[in-house]
Amino acid sequence: MAAQATLPFRLILASNSWGRKWLMEQAGYPFEVKPSNIDEPTEARLGDCRHYVGELAWLKAAAVASQVGDGLVGDSPAPLQSQLVNSPQVEAPNEPRPQGSGVERTLVIAADTVGWLNGKVIGKPEDEADARRIIRSLSGTVHELWTGVCLWLKPGDWQFSWQERSLVRMKQLTDAEIDAYLKTRKWEGCSGAYAIELPHDPYLTVEEGSISNVIGLPMESLAKALGWTASVPSSLQPKAEDGVSYG
């Protein structure tokens, strides 16, 4: 069932990922795109993928939030129409926007997604040869797919973050199947050198977790988080220096 709600802030997606943009569009969220363009390490410190994606999502959000300022003059936010099946309803708060303040709250949404197999980060391929190496390493395995998400609310620098895991099985691929897949160029810019196809992928099966998480943004939990974030009154938004962290 579709759910309608008004969020008291404009949304900025800190990513140019086609998958994340597609998910946001399918959910009916009006948003702007401002990529973070930060450098991403290729190894997870302390061998922990959850901390890796969590830290990168925070860094991406911080990079874009620093460009937003403390609020912009703008019109009231438009109603949002969620089109995700079984997506939790976003409940809008009753708090009105301050009259005459000229300040519009802005929420930055940042995410980082990587594969994880045998204690190693599986990131984006550098070229076709690297994509072939990655696909061969994943062929016939069940691997983890982690996405870290960070919401950064301005003004006030209120932050909310979490990480989600999905388990993805890739069938055992022949050399001919790998060659055919590489020719599609669908591996370009994708962690794990693949972009899962909907509604049915010939090579990939999500055995546990959200398929939207595999695409790059866990929309079910994002809907909940947007509702929680919307309920934070402007007067109660903590500052970054207060050390408030969730995850």
Protein backbone atom coordinates (compact mmCIF):
# COMPACT_ATOMS: atom_id res chain seq x y z
CA MET A 1 0.00 0.00 0.00
CA ALA A 2 1.29 3.44 -0.88
CA ALA A 3 1.77 5.88 1.96
CA GLN A 4 1.77 9.66 1.75
CA ALA A 5 3.62 11.98 4.11
CA THR A 6 5.17 15.40 4.17
CA LEU A 7 8.74 15.61 5.38
CA PRO A 8 9.83 18.90 6.96
CA PHE A 9 13.12 19.11 5.08
CA ARG A 10 14.49 18.98 1.57
CA LEU A 11 16.45 15.87 0.65
CA ILE A 12 19.94 15.79 -0.84
CA LEU A 13 21.32 12.47 -2.05
CA ALA A 14 25.10 12.49 -1.63
CA SER A 15 25.59 10.03 -4.46
CA ASN A 16 25.51 9.85 -8.23
CA SER A 17 24.78 6.11 -8.17
CA TRP A 18 22.12 5.27 -10.73
CA GLY A 19 20.81 2.53 -8.43
CA ARG A 20 20.30 4.86 -5.47
CA LYS A 21 18.72 7.53 -7.65
CA TRP A 22 16.40 4.91 -9.14
CA LEU A 23 15.36 3.67 -5.69
CA MET A 24 14.63 7.20 -4.48
CA GLU A 25 12.62 7.95 -7.64
CA GLN A 26 10.64 4.71 -7.31
CA ALA A 27 9.83 5.64 -3.71
CA GLY A 28 8.52 9.01 -4.87
CA TYR A 29 10.95 11.15 -2.88
CA PRO A 30 11.77 14.54 -4.41
CA PHE A 31 15.52 15.01 -3.99
CA GLU A 32 18.59 16.78 -5.26
CA VAL A 33 21.88 15.07 -6.16
CA LYS A 34 25.19 16.31 -4.83
CA PRO A 35 27.94 13.63 -5.01
CA SER A 36 30.51 13.69 -2.21
CA ASN A 37 33.46 12.81 -4.47
CA ILE A 38 35.61 11.61 -1.58
CA ASP A 39 38.48 9.15 -1.93
CA GLU A 40 37.51 5.65 -0.80
CA PRO A 41 40.02 3.26 0.77
CA THR A 42 40.20 -0.24 -0.67
CA GLU A 43 40.76 -2.07 2.62
CA ALA A 44 38.68 -2.20 5.80
CA ARG A 45 40.55 -1.19 8.91
CA LEU A 46 40.60 -3.88 11.61
CA GLY A 47 39.05 -6.29 9.11
CA ASP A 48 35.54 -5.02 9.88
CA CYS A 49 33.26 -4.34 6.90
CA ARG A 50 30.47 -2.88 9.02
CA HIS A 51 32.74 -0.15 10.38
CA TYR A 52 34.17 0.38 6.89
CA VAL A 53 30.82 1.21 5.23
CA GLY A 54 29.65 3.12 8.31
CA GLU A 55 32.70 5.36 8.32
CA LEU A 56 32.58 5.99 4.57
CA ALA A 57 28.88 6.86 4.68
CA TRP A 58 29.59 9.36 7.48
CA LEU A 59 32.49 10.90 5.55
CA LYS A 60 30.32 11.27 2.45
CA ALA A 61 27.53 12.89 4.45
CA ALA A 62 29.97 15.23 6.19
CA ALA A 63 31.51 16.31 2.89
CA VAL A 64 28.14 17.30 1.43
CA ALA A 65 26.71 18.72 4.68
CA SER A 66 29.66 21.10 4.89
CA GLN A 67 28.51 22.62 1.59
CA VAL A 68 24.89 23.04 2.63
CA GLY A 69 25.29 25.67 5.33
CA ASP A 70 22.79 26.19 8.14
CA GLY A 71 19.60 26.34 6.16
CA LEU A 72 18.32 27.88 2.96
CA VAL A 73 15.32 29.99 2.08
CA GLY A 74 12.83 27.82 0.23
CA ASP A 75 9.25 26.79 -0.23
CA SER A 76 7.45 24.34 2.00
CA PRO A 77 8.34 20.71 1.22
CA ALA A 78 6.06 18.88 -1.16
CA PRO A 79 4.07 15.76 -0.17
CA LEU A 80 5.94 12.51 -0.71
CA GLN A 81 4.24 9.53 -2.29
CA SER A 82 5.93 6.24 -1.42
CA GLN A 83 5.57 3.55 -4.08
CA LEU A 84 7.63 0.84 -2.39
CA VAL A 85 5.66 -2.33 -1.73
CA ASN A 86 5.53 -3.16 1.99
CA SER A 87 7.50 0.00 2.80
CA PRO A 88 6.89 1.21 6.39
CA GLN A 89 4.78 4.36 6.49
CA VAL A 90 6.57 7.61 7.15
CA GLU A 91 4.70 9.56 9.79
CA ALA A 92 5.10 13.31 9.50
CA PRO A 93 5.54 15.32 12.71
CA ASN A 94 3.00 17.92 13.79
CA GLU A 95 5.68 20.55 14.30
CA PRO A 96 5.09 23.48 11.90
CA ARG A 97 7.91 25.15 10.10
CA PRO A 98 8.93 28.34 11.95
CA GLN A 99 7.15 31.28 10.39
CA GLY A 100 9.24 34.13 9.08
CA SER A 101 12.52 32.37 9.83
CA GLY A 102 13.43 31.86 6.18
CA VAL A 103 15.26 28.67 7.23
CA GLU A 104 14.54 25.36 5.58
CA ARG A 105 15.87 22.19 7.14
CA THR A 106 17.92 19.99 4.84
CA LEU A 107 18.63 16.28 5.17
CA VAL A 108 21.66 14.77 3.46
CA ILE A 109 21.40 11.06 2.66
CA ALA A 110 24.74 9.32 2.13
CA ALA A 111 25.49 5.64 1.65
CA ASP A 112 28.33 3.29 0.87
CA THR A 113 27.92 -0.28 -0.40
CA VAL A 114 30.58 -2.97 -0.76
CA GLY A 115 30.82 -6.72 -1.01
CA TRP A 116 32.65 -8.75 1.61
CA LEU A 117 34.20 -12.18 1.08
CA ASN A 118 36.87 -14.00 3.07
CA GLY A 119 37.68 -10.91 5.11
CA LYS A 120 38.26 -8.71 2.07
CA VAL A 121 36.41 -5.69 0.72
CA ILE A 122 34.99 -6.24 -2.76
CA GLY A 123 34.78 -2.77 -4.23
CA LYS A 124 34.29 -1.31 -7.68
CA PRO A 125 36.38 -2.74 -10.53
CA GLU A 126 39.06 -0.52 -12.03
CA ASP A 127 38.63 -1.95 -15.53
CA GLU A 128 37.29 -4.99 -17.38
CA ALA A 129 40.19 -7.20 -16.34
CA ASP A 130 39.55 -6.31 -12.69
CA ALA A 131 35.82 -6.95 -13.14
CA ARG A 132 36.64 -10.42 -14.53
CA ARG A 133 38.84 -11.12 -11.50
CA ILE A 134 36.08 -10.04 -9.10
CA ILE A 135 33.34 -12.04 -10.85
CA ARG A 136 35.51 -15.16 -10.85
CA SER A 137 36.16 -14.74 -7.12
CA LEU A 138 32.42 -14.45 -6.41
CA SER A 139 31.29 -17.17 -8.81
CA GLY A 140 29.74 -20.09 -6.93
CA THR A 141 29.85 -18.33 -3.54
CA VAL A 142 27.55 -16.74 -1.00
CA HIS A 143 29.01 -13.38 -0.04
CA GLU A 144 27.99 -10.51 2.22
CA LEU A 145 26.81 -7.18 0.84
CA TRP A 146 27.01 -4.30 3.31
CA THR A 147 25.53 -0.82 3.04
CA GLY A 148 26.24 1.96 5.50
CA VAL A 149 23.81 4.88 5.61
CA CYS A 150 24.22 8.26 7.26
CA LEU A 151 21.54 10.94 7.53
CA TRP A 152 22.81 14.44 8.33
CA LEU A 153 20.24 17.07 9.29
CA LYS A 154 20.94 20.78 8.85
CA PRO A 155 20.89 23.11 10.66
CA GLY A 156 22.16 21.59 13.89
CA ASP A 157 24.35 18.83 12.43
CA TRP A 158 22.14 16.06 13.82
CA GLN A 159 23.34 12.66 12.57
CA PHE A 160 21.77 9.22 12.38
CA SER A 161 23.58 6.21 10.97
CA TRP A 162 23.15 2.48 10.58
CA GLN A 163 24.52 -0.44 8.57
CA GLU A 164 22.73 -3.34 6.91
CA ARG A 165 23.86 -6.69 5.60
CA SER A 166 22.43 -8.86 2.86
CA LEU A 167 23.62 -12.30 1.76
CA VAL A 168 23.94 -12.77 -1.99
CA ARG A 169 24.50 -16.04 -3.84
CA MET A 170 26.15 -15.99 -7.25
CA LYS A 171 25.73 -19.12 -9.34
CA GLN A 172 28.77 -20.91 -10.69
CA LEU A 173 29.51 -19.10 -13.94
CA THR A 174 31.20 -20.50 -17.01
CA ASP A 175 33.85 -18.53 -18.83
CA ALA A 176 31.33 -17.92 -21.62
CA GLU A 177 28.79 -16.50 -19.16
CA ILE A 178 31.43 -14.24 -17.64
CA ASP A 179 32.45 -13.03 -21.11
CA ALA A 180 28.82 -12.31 -22.01
CA TYR A 181 28.23 -10.42 -18.77
CA LEU A 182 31.35 -8.29 -19.14
CA LYS A 183 30.19 -7.22 -22.61
CA THR A 184 27.05 -5.69 -21.07
CA ARG A 185 29.23 -3.18 -19.16
CA LYS A 186 26.76 -3.45 -16.25
CA TRP A 187 29.71 -3.98 -13.92
CA GLU A 188 31.00 -0.43 -14.37
CA GLY A 189 30.90 1.62 -11.19
CA CYS A 190 29.34 -1.21 -9.18
CA SER A 191 30.70 -2.77 -6.01
CA GLY A 192 31.20 -6.47 -6.57
CA ALA A 193 31.29 -5.80 -10.34
CA TYR A 194 27.59 -6.48 -10.67
CA ALA A 195 24.24 -4.70 -10.68
CA ILE A 196 21.42 -7.03 -9.69
CA GLU A 197 18.56 -7.24 -12.20
CA LEU A 198 14.91 -6.94 -11.19
CA PRO A 199 12.64 -8.76 -10.82
CA HIS A 200 14.75 -11.87 -11.46
CA ASP A 201 18.49 -12.00 -11.94
CA PRO A 202 19.85 -14.98 -13.91
CA TYR A 203 23.03 -15.14 -11.83
CA LEU A 204 22.26 -13.65 -8.41
CA THR A 205 19.91 -14.58 -5.57
CA VAL A 206 19.41 -12.53 -2.40
CA GLU A 207 19.23 -15.19 0.29
CA GLU A 208 18.95 -12.87 3.27
CA GLY A 209 18.19 -9.19 3.73
CA SER A 210 16.78 -6.44 1.55
CA ILE A 211 17.21 -6.40 -2.21
CA SER A 212 17.21 -2.59 -2.14
CA ASN A 213 20.21 -2.88 0.18
CA VAL A 214 21.97 -4.85 -2.56
CA ILE A 215 21.12 -2.13 -5.07
CA GLY A 216 22.69 0.43 -2.76
CA LEU A 217 20.14 1.91 -0.34
CA PRO A 218 17.98 -0.07 2.13
CA MET A 219 14.66 1.62 1.46
CA GLU A 220 12.62 -0.17 4.13
CA SER A 221 14.82 1.04 6.97
CA LEU A 222 15.32 4.42 5.27
CA ALA A 223 11.56 5.01 5.40
CA LYS A 224 11.61 4.38 9.16
CA ALA A 225 14.66 6.58 9.64
CA LEU A 226 13.08 9.44 7.72
CA GLY A 227 10.08 9.25 10.01
CA TRP A 228 12.27 9.31 13.13
CA THR A 229 14.36 12.17 11.77
CA ALA A 230 11.27 14.16 10.84
CA SER A 231 10.06 13.89 14.44
CA VAL A 232 13.13 15.70 15.81
CA PRO A 233 12.00 19.24 16.74
CA SER A 234 14.28 22.01 15.52
CA SER A 235 14.76 23.21 19.07
CA LEU A 236 16.04 19.81 20.19
CA GLN A 237 18.49 19.07 17.39
CA PRO A 238 21.85 18.27 19.03
CA LYS A 239 25.07 19.70 17.71
CA ALA A 240 27.81 17.50 16.28
CA GLU A 241 30.04 18.38 19.24
CA ASP A 242 27.49 16.86 21.61
CA GLY A 243 28.75 13.47 20.49
CA VAL A 244 25.33 11.98 19.73
CA SER A 245 25.66 8.85 17.62
CA TYR A 246 23.31 6.08 16.64
CA GLY A 247 24.09 2.90 14.78
